Amino acid sequence: MKIKELGKKIWLMRTINGLSQENIAGEIGISATAWSKIERGETNVPFTRLVQIAAYFGLSVVELLEKSEPQAYKSKTGKKENKTIAVEPPSKYDSKNENELLKKEIKQLRELLKAKDETIELLKNTKK
């Protein structure tokens, strides 16, 4: 996913939930200016920050980075709005579980890399 697409997706999840940049930025420990740059796609987002953002919205990093529009998230009301549902963020980001989240995300990413490598090998073998 391109940085601009990621920013747009994050912006959409925030705005659908009626949240301010300042609130989310404060919850995950960055400035509102830094959050704004993420939403505008003007900065590379470190993996640890992706984990925090994904956790805030109740997602895995893989789900956050998928190119699909936000559709499978729980809204505050539980009702669909314009066929897009938003997520209700947790009351506060829980940094105690960050290591476990990172381990889970690393495992998922390794599985994706393995599947990619297997696909590449399959394609190489079909060309021979």
N, C-alpha and C. Protein backbone atom coordinates (compact mmCIF):
# COMPACT_ATOMS: atom_id res chain seq x y z
N MET A 1 0.85 -1.17 0.00
CA MET A 1 0.00 0.00 0.00
C MET A 1 0.89 1.23 0.00
N LYS A 2 0.56 2.21 -0.81
CA LYS A 2 1.33 3.44 -0.87
C LYS A 2 1.03 4.30 0.36
N ILE A 3 1.98 5.18 0.68
CA ILE A 3 1.86 6.02 1.87
C ILE A 3 0.60 6.88 1.80
N LYS A 4 0.31 7.44 0.63
CA LYS A 4 -0.89 8.29 0.49
C LYS A 4 -2.16 7.48 0.73
N GLU A 5 -2.20 6.24 0.20
CA GLU A 5 -3.38 5.38 0.40
C GLU A 5 -3.55 5.04 1.87
N LEU A 6 -2.46 4.74 2.55
CA LEU A 6 -2.51 4.43 3.97
C LEU A 6 -3.03 5.63 4.75
N GLY A 7 -2.50 6.80 4.44
CA GLY A 7 -2.95 8.02 5.11
C GLY A 7 -4.43 8.26 4.91
N LYS A 8 -4.91 8.04 3.69
CA LYS A 8 -6.33 8.24 3.40
C LYS A 8 -7.19 7.25 4.21
N LYS A 9 -6.72 6.01 4.30
CA LYS A 9 -7.46 5.00 5.05
C LYS A 9 -7.51 5.37 6.53
N ILE A 10 -6.40 5.80 7.08
CA ILE A 10 -6.35 6.19 8.49
C ILE A 10 -7.24 7.41 8.72
N TRP A 11 -7.17 8.37 7.82
CA TRP A 11 -8.03 9.56 7.92
C TRP A 11 -9.50 9.16 7.90
N LEU A 12 -9.85 8.24 7.00
CA LEU A 12 -11.25 7.81 6.89
C LEU A 12 -11.72 7.14 8.18
N MET A 13 -10.91 6.28 8.75
CA MET A 13 -11.30 5.62 10.00
C MET A 13 -11.48 6.64 11.12
N ARG A 14 -10.60 7.64 11.15
CA ARG A 14 -10.70 8.66 12.20
C ARG A 14 -11.94 9.52 12.03
N THR A 15 -12.17 9.98 10.81
CA THR A 15 -13.28 10.90 10.60
C THR A 15 -14.64 10.21 10.74
N ILE A 16 -14.75 8.97 10.31
CA ILE A 16 -16.01 8.26 10.45
C ILE A 16 -16.38 8.13 11.93
N ASN A 17 -15.38 7.97 12.75
CA ASN A 17 -15.61 7.85 14.19
C ASN A 17 -15.76 9.20 14.89
N GLY A 18 -15.59 10.28 14.14
CA GLY A 18 -15.74 11.60 14.73
C GLY A 18 -14.64 11.94 15.74
N LEU A 19 -13.44 11.42 15.49
CA LEU A 19 -12.32 11.64 16.41
C LEU A 19 -11.44 12.78 15.90
N SER A 20 -10.78 13.44 16.82
CA SER A 20 -9.87 14.51 16.42
C SER A 20 -8.46 13.95 16.29
N GLN A 21 -7.67 14.62 15.49
CA GLN A 21 -6.27 14.24 15.34
C GLN A 21 -5.56 14.35 16.68
N GLU A 22 -5.88 15.38 17.44
CA GLU A 22 -5.23 15.61 18.72
C GLU A 22 -5.49 14.45 19.69
N ASN A 23 -6.73 13.95 19.72
CA ASN A 23 -7.05 12.86 20.64
C ASN A 23 -6.27 11.60 20.32
N ILE A 24 -6.29 11.19 19.06
CA ILE A 24 -5.59 9.96 18.68
C ILE A 24 -4.09 10.13 18.86
N ALA A 25 -3.56 11.27 18.41
CA ALA A 25 -2.13 11.52 18.53
C ALA A 25 -1.69 11.42 20.00
N GLY A 26 -2.47 12.02 20.88
CA GLY A 26 -2.15 11.97 22.30
C GLY A 26 -2.20 10.55 22.85
N GLU A 27 -3.16 9.77 22.38
CA GLU A 27 -3.30 8.39 22.86
C GLU A 27 -2.10 7.52 22.47
N ILE A 28 -1.56 7.76 21.27
CA ILE A 28 -0.44 6.91 20.84
C ILE A 28 0.93 7.59 21.04
N GLY A 29 0.90 8.79 21.61
CA GLY A 29 2.16 9.42 22.01
C GLY A 29 2.91 10.17 20.93
N ILE A 30 2.20 10.80 20.00
CA ILE A 30 2.85 11.64 19.00
C ILE A 30 2.15 13.00 18.96
N SER A 31 2.73 13.95 18.28
CA SER A 31 2.11 15.27 18.18
C SER A 31 0.99 15.24 17.13
N ALA A 32 0.09 16.19 17.24
CA ALA A 32 -0.99 16.32 16.26
C ALA A 32 -0.41 16.61 14.87
N THR A 33 0.70 17.33 14.82
CA THR A 33 1.35 17.63 13.55
C THR A 33 1.87 16.35 12.91
N ALA A 34 2.48 15.48 13.71
CA ALA A 34 2.98 14.20 13.18
C ALA A 34 1.82 13.35 12.68
N TRP A 35 0.71 13.34 13.43
CA TRP A 35 -0.47 12.58 13.01
C TRP A 35 -1.00 13.12 11.68
N SER A 36 -1.05 14.43 11.57
CA SER A 36 -1.54 15.07 10.35
C SER A 36 -0.69 14.66 9.14
N LYS A 37 0.62 14.59 9.33
CA LYS A 37 1.51 14.18 8.23
C LYS A 37 1.25 12.73 7.83
N ILE A 38 0.93 11.88 8.82
CA ILE A 38 0.60 10.48 8.52
C ILE A 38 -0.65 10.43 7.66
N GLU A 39 -1.68 11.17 8.06
CA GLU A 39 -2.95 11.16 7.32
C GLU A 39 -2.79 11.72 5.91
N ARG A 40 -1.92 12.70 5.74
CA ARG A 40 -1.70 13.29 4.41
C ARG A 40 -0.72 12.47 3.58
N GLY A 41 -0.14 11.43 4.17
CA GLY A 41 0.81 10.60 3.43
C GLY A 41 2.11 11.31 3.15
N GLU A 42 2.52 12.17 4.05
CA GLU A 42 3.74 12.96 3.85
C GLU A 42 4.95 12.41 4.60
N THR A 43 4.78 11.27 5.27
CA THR A 43 5.89 10.72 6.04
C THR A 43 5.82 9.20 6.03
N ASN A 44 6.98 8.57 6.06
CA ASN A 44 7.02 7.12 6.24
C ASN A 44 6.64 6.81 7.68
N VAL A 45 5.83 5.79 7.86
CA VAL A 45 5.38 5.43 9.20
C VAL A 45 6.19 4.22 9.66
N PRO A 46 6.94 4.36 10.77
CA PRO A 46 7.72 3.23 11.27
C PRO A 46 6.80 2.07 11.66
N PHE A 47 7.35 0.86 11.59
CA PHE A 47 6.54 -0.32 11.89
C PHE A 47 5.93 -0.25 13.28
N THR A 48 6.70 0.19 14.26
CA THR A 48 6.16 0.26 15.62
C THR A 48 4.98 1.22 15.70
N ARG A 49 5.01 2.29 14.91
CA ARG A 49 3.88 3.24 14.88
C ARG A 49 2.68 2.59 14.18
N LEU A 50 2.95 1.80 13.14
CA LEU A 50 1.85 1.08 12.47
C LEU A 50 1.15 0.14 13.45
N VAL A 51 1.94 -0.52 14.29
CA VAL A 51 1.38 -1.43 15.30
C VAL A 51 0.47 -0.64 16.25
N GLN A 52 0.93 0.54 16.67
CA GLN A 52 0.13 1.36 17.58
C GLN A 52 -1.17 1.82 16.92
N ILE A 53 -1.08 2.28 15.68
CA ILE A 53 -2.27 2.76 14.97
C ILE A 53 -3.25 1.62 14.76
N ALA A 54 -2.72 0.48 14.30
CA ALA A 54 -3.59 -0.67 14.07
C ALA A 54 -4.28 -1.09 15.37
N ALA A 55 -3.52 -1.16 16.46
CA ALA A 55 -4.09 -1.56 17.75
C ALA A 55 -5.16 -0.56 18.19
N TYR A 56 -4.92 0.72 17.96
CA TYR A 56 -5.89 1.75 18.34
C TYR A 56 -7.23 1.50 17.67
N PHE A 57 -7.19 1.09 16.41
CA PHE A 57 -8.42 0.84 15.66
C PHE A 57 -8.86 -0.62 15.73
N GLY A 58 -8.20 -1.42 16.56
CA GLY A 58 -8.61 -2.81 16.74
C GLY A 58 -8.28 -3.70 15.56
N LEU A 59 -7.20 -3.39 14.86
CA LEU A 59 -6.80 -4.12 13.67
C LEU A 59 -5.41 -4.71 13.85
N SER A 60 -5.06 -5.63 12.95
CA SER A 60 -3.67 -6.06 12.84
C SER A 60 -3.01 -5.13 11.83
N VAL A 61 -1.70 -5.13 11.81
CA VAL A 61 -0.99 -4.31 10.83
C VAL A 61 -1.35 -4.77 9.41
N VAL A 62 -1.48 -6.08 9.23
CA VAL A 62 -1.84 -6.62 7.92
C VAL A 62 -3.18 -6.04 7.47
N GLU A 63 -4.17 -6.04 8.37
CA GLU A 63 -5.49 -5.49 8.02
C GLU A 63 -5.39 -3.99 7.71
N LEU A 64 -4.58 -3.28 8.47
CA LEU A 64 -4.40 -1.85 8.24
C LEU A 64 -3.80 -1.59 6.87
N LEU A 65 -2.86 -2.46 6.46
CA LEU A 65 -2.16 -2.24 5.20
C LEU A 65 -2.87 -2.81 3.98
N GLU A 66 -3.95 -3.57 4.19
CA GLU A 66 -4.69 -4.10 3.05
C GLU A 66 -5.28 -2.96 2.24
N LYS A 67 -5.37 -3.17 0.95
CA LYS A 67 -5.84 -2.10 0.07
C LYS A 67 -7.34 -1.89 0.10
N SER A 68 -8.07 -2.76 0.79
CA SER A 68 -9.52 -2.64 0.82
C SER A 68 -9.94 -1.41 1.62
N GLU A 69 -11.12 -0.93 1.29
CA GLU A 69 -11.69 0.17 2.06
C GLU A 69 -12.10 -0.35 3.43
N PRO A 70 -12.11 0.49 4.43
CA PRO A 70 -12.53 0.03 5.75
C PRO A 70 -13.99 -0.40 5.74
N GLN A 71 -14.24 -1.71 5.83
CA GLN A 71 -15.60 -2.22 5.79
C GLN A 71 -15.93 -3.13 6.96
N ALA A 72 -14.96 -3.78 7.53
CA ALA A 72 -15.23 -4.80 8.53
C ALA A 72 -15.00 -4.32 9.95
N TYR A 73 -15.12 -3.04 10.17
CA TYR A 73 -14.86 -2.50 11.48
C TYR A 73 -16.16 -2.23 12.22
N LYS A 74 -16.14 -2.31 13.53
CA LYS A 74 -17.34 -2.07 14.33
C LYS A 74 -17.49 -0.57 14.56
N SER A 75 -18.68 -0.08 14.30
CA SER A 75 -18.92 1.34 14.56
C SER A 75 -19.45 1.52 15.97
N LYS A 76 -19.44 2.75 16.41
CA LYS A 76 -19.96 3.06 17.74
C LYS A 76 -21.44 2.69 17.84
N THR A 77 -22.18 2.90 16.75
CA THR A 77 -23.61 2.63 16.75
C THR A 77 -23.93 1.22 16.28
N GLY A 78 -22.97 0.57 15.61
CA GLY A 78 -23.23 -0.75 15.06
C GLY A 78 -23.94 -0.68 13.72
N LYS A 79 -24.24 0.52 13.25
CA LYS A 79 -24.94 0.69 11.98
C LYS A 79 -23.95 1.03 10.88
N LYS A 80 -24.28 0.57 9.67
CA LYS A 80 -23.44 0.91 8.53
C LYS A 80 -23.78 2.32 8.07
N GLU A 81 -22.73 3.04 7.72
CA GLU A 81 -22.91 4.38 7.18
C GLU A 81 -22.24 4.41 5.82
N ASN A 82 -23.03 4.63 4.78
CA ASN A 82 -22.51 4.65 3.43
C ASN A 82 -21.71 3.40 3.10
N LYS A 83 -22.18 2.25 3.57
CA LYS A 83 -21.55 0.96 3.33
C LYS A 83 -20.15 0.87 3.91
N THR A 84 -19.80 1.80 4.76
CA THR A 84 -18.50 1.77 5.43
C THR A 84 -18.75 1.84 6.91
N ILE A 85 -18.11 0.95 7.64
CA ILE A 85 -18.28 0.91 9.08
C ILE A 85 -16.96 1.30 9.71
N ALA A 86 -17.01 2.05 10.78
CA ALA A 86 -15.80 2.47 11.46
C ALA A 86 -15.60 1.64 12.71
N VAL A 87 -14.43 1.80 13.28
CA VAL A 87 -14.11 1.07 14.49
C VAL A 87 -14.20 1.99 15.70
N GLU A 88 -14.63 1.44 16.82
CA GLU A 88 -14.60 2.20 18.07
C GLU A 88 -13.25 1.96 18.71
N PRO A 89 -12.46 2.99 18.89
CA PRO A 89 -11.12 2.79 19.45
C PRO A 89 -11.19 2.43 20.92
N PRO A 90 -10.18 1.75 21.41
CA PRO A 90 -10.13 1.47 22.84
C PRO A 90 -9.99 2.78 23.60
N SER A 91 -10.32 2.78 24.87
CA SER A 91 -10.27 4.00 25.65
C SER A 91 -8.84 4.55 25.76
N LYS A 92 -7.86 3.67 25.79
CA LYS A 92 -6.48 4.11 25.87
C LYS A 92 -5.58 3.04 25.26
N TYR A 93 -4.53 3.45 24.58
CA TYR A 93 -3.59 2.51 24.00
C TYR A 93 -2.87 1.77 25.12
N ASP A 94 -2.79 0.45 25.01
CA ASP A 94 -2.18 -0.39 26.05
C ASP A 94 -0.79 -0.79 25.60
N SER A 95 0.22 -0.07 26.09
CA SER A 95 1.60 -0.35 25.67
C SER A 95 2.15 -1.62 26.29
N LYS A 96 1.49 -2.16 27.33
CA LYS A 96 1.98 -3.38 27.97
C LYS A 96 1.94 -4.56 27.02
N ASN A 97 1.01 -4.55 26.10
CA ASN A 97 0.87 -5.67 25.18
C ASN A 97 1.59 -5.45 23.85
N GLU A 98 2.35 -4.38 23.76
CA GLU A 98 3.00 -4.05 22.50
C GLU A 98 3.93 -5.16 22.02
N ASN A 99 4.70 -5.78 22.91
CA ASN A 99 5.60 -6.87 22.50
C ASN A 99 4.82 -8.03 21.92
N GLU A 100 3.71 -8.40 22.55
CA GLU A 100 2.90 -9.49 22.04
C GLU A 100 2.31 -9.14 20.68
N LEU A 101 1.87 -7.90 20.54
CA LEU A 101 1.35 -7.46 19.24
C LEU A 101 2.44 -7.53 18.17
N LEU A 102 3.63 -7.08 18.53
CA LEU A 102 4.74 -7.11 17.57
C LEU A 102 5.07 -8.54 17.16
N LYS A 103 5.10 -9.45 18.12
CA LYS A 103 5.38 -10.85 17.80
C LYS A 103 4.32 -11.41 16.87
N LYS A 104 3.07 -11.10 17.12
CA LYS A 104 1.97 -11.58 16.28
C LYS A 104 2.09 -11.01 14.86
N GLU A 105 2.37 -9.72 14.78
CA GLU A 105 2.50 -9.07 13.47
C GLU A 105 3.69 -9.62 12.70
N ILE A 106 4.80 -9.85 13.38
CA ILE A 106 5.98 -10.42 12.72
C ILE A 106 5.66 -11.79 12.16
N LYS A 107 4.95 -12.59 12.94
CA LYS A 107 4.56 -13.93 12.48
C LYS A 107 3.69 -13.83 11.22
N GLN A 108 2.70 -12.92 11.24
CA GLN A 108 1.83 -12.75 10.08
C GLN A 108 2.61 -12.28 8.87
N LEU A 109 3.53 -11.35 9.08
CA LEU A 109 4.32 -10.84 7.96
C LEU A 109 5.26 -11.92 7.40
N ARG A 110 5.81 -12.74 8.27
CA ARG A 110 6.65 -13.84 7.80
C ARG A 110 5.84 -14.82 6.96
N GLU A 111 4.61 -15.10 7.39
CA GLU A 111 3.74 -15.98 6.62
C GLU A 111 3.43 -15.39 5.24
N LEU A 112 3.21 -14.07 5.20
CA LEU A 112 2.97 -13.41 3.92
C LEU A 112 4.20 -13.48 3.02
N LEU A 113 5.37 -13.26 3.61
CA LEU A 113 6.61 -13.35 2.83
C LEU A 113 6.83 -14.77 2.30
N LYS A 114 6.54 -15.76 3.12
CA LYS A 114 6.69 -17.15 2.69
C LYS A 114 5.76 -17.45 1.52
N ALA A 115 4.52 -16.99 1.62
CA ALA A 115 3.55 -17.20 0.53
C ALA A 115 4.01 -16.49 -0.74
N LYS A 116 4.57 -15.29 -0.58
CA LYS A 116 5.08 -14.54 -1.74
C LYS A 116 6.22 -15.30 -2.39
N ASP A 117 7.15 -15.79 -1.57
CA ASP A 117 8.30 -16.55 -2.09
C ASP A 117 7.84 -17.82 -2.81
N GLU A 118 6.85 -18.50 -2.24
CA GLU A 118 6.32 -19.71 -2.88
C GLU A 118 5.68 -19.38 -4.23
N THR A 119 4.98 -18.26 -4.29
CA THR A 119 4.36 -17.83 -5.55
C THR A 119 5.42 -17.50 -6.59
N ILE A 120 6.48 -16.83 -6.17
CA ILE A 120 7.58 -16.50 -7.09
C ILE A 120 8.21 -17.77 -7.63
N GLU A 121 8.47 -18.72 -6.76
CA GLU A 121 9.07 -20.00 -7.20
C GLU A 121 8.14 -20.72 -8.17
N LEU A 122 6.87 -20.71 -7.88
CA LEU A 122 5.90 -21.35 -8.77
C LEU A 122 5.89 -20.69 -10.15
N LEU A 123 5.95 -19.36 -10.16
CA LEU A 123 5.98 -18.65 -11.42
C LEU A 123 7.27 -18.91 -12.19
N LYS A 124 8.38 -18.99 -11.47
CA LYS A 124 9.66 -19.29 -12.13
C LYS A 124 9.62 -20.68 -12.77
N ASN A 125 9.04 -21.62 -12.05
CA ASN A 125 8.97 -23.02 -12.54
C ASN A 125 8.03 -23.15 -13.73
N THR A 126 7.01 -22.33 -13.80
CA THR A 126 6.07 -22.41 -14.93
C THR A 126 6.66 -21.81 -16.20
N LYS A 127 7.66 -20.93 -16.07
CA LYS A 127 8.30 -20.32 -17.24
C LYS A 127 9.32 -21.25 -17.87
N LYS A 128 9.77 -22.25 -17.12
CA LYS A 128 10.83 -23.15 -17.63
C LYS A 128 10.30 -24.12 -18.62
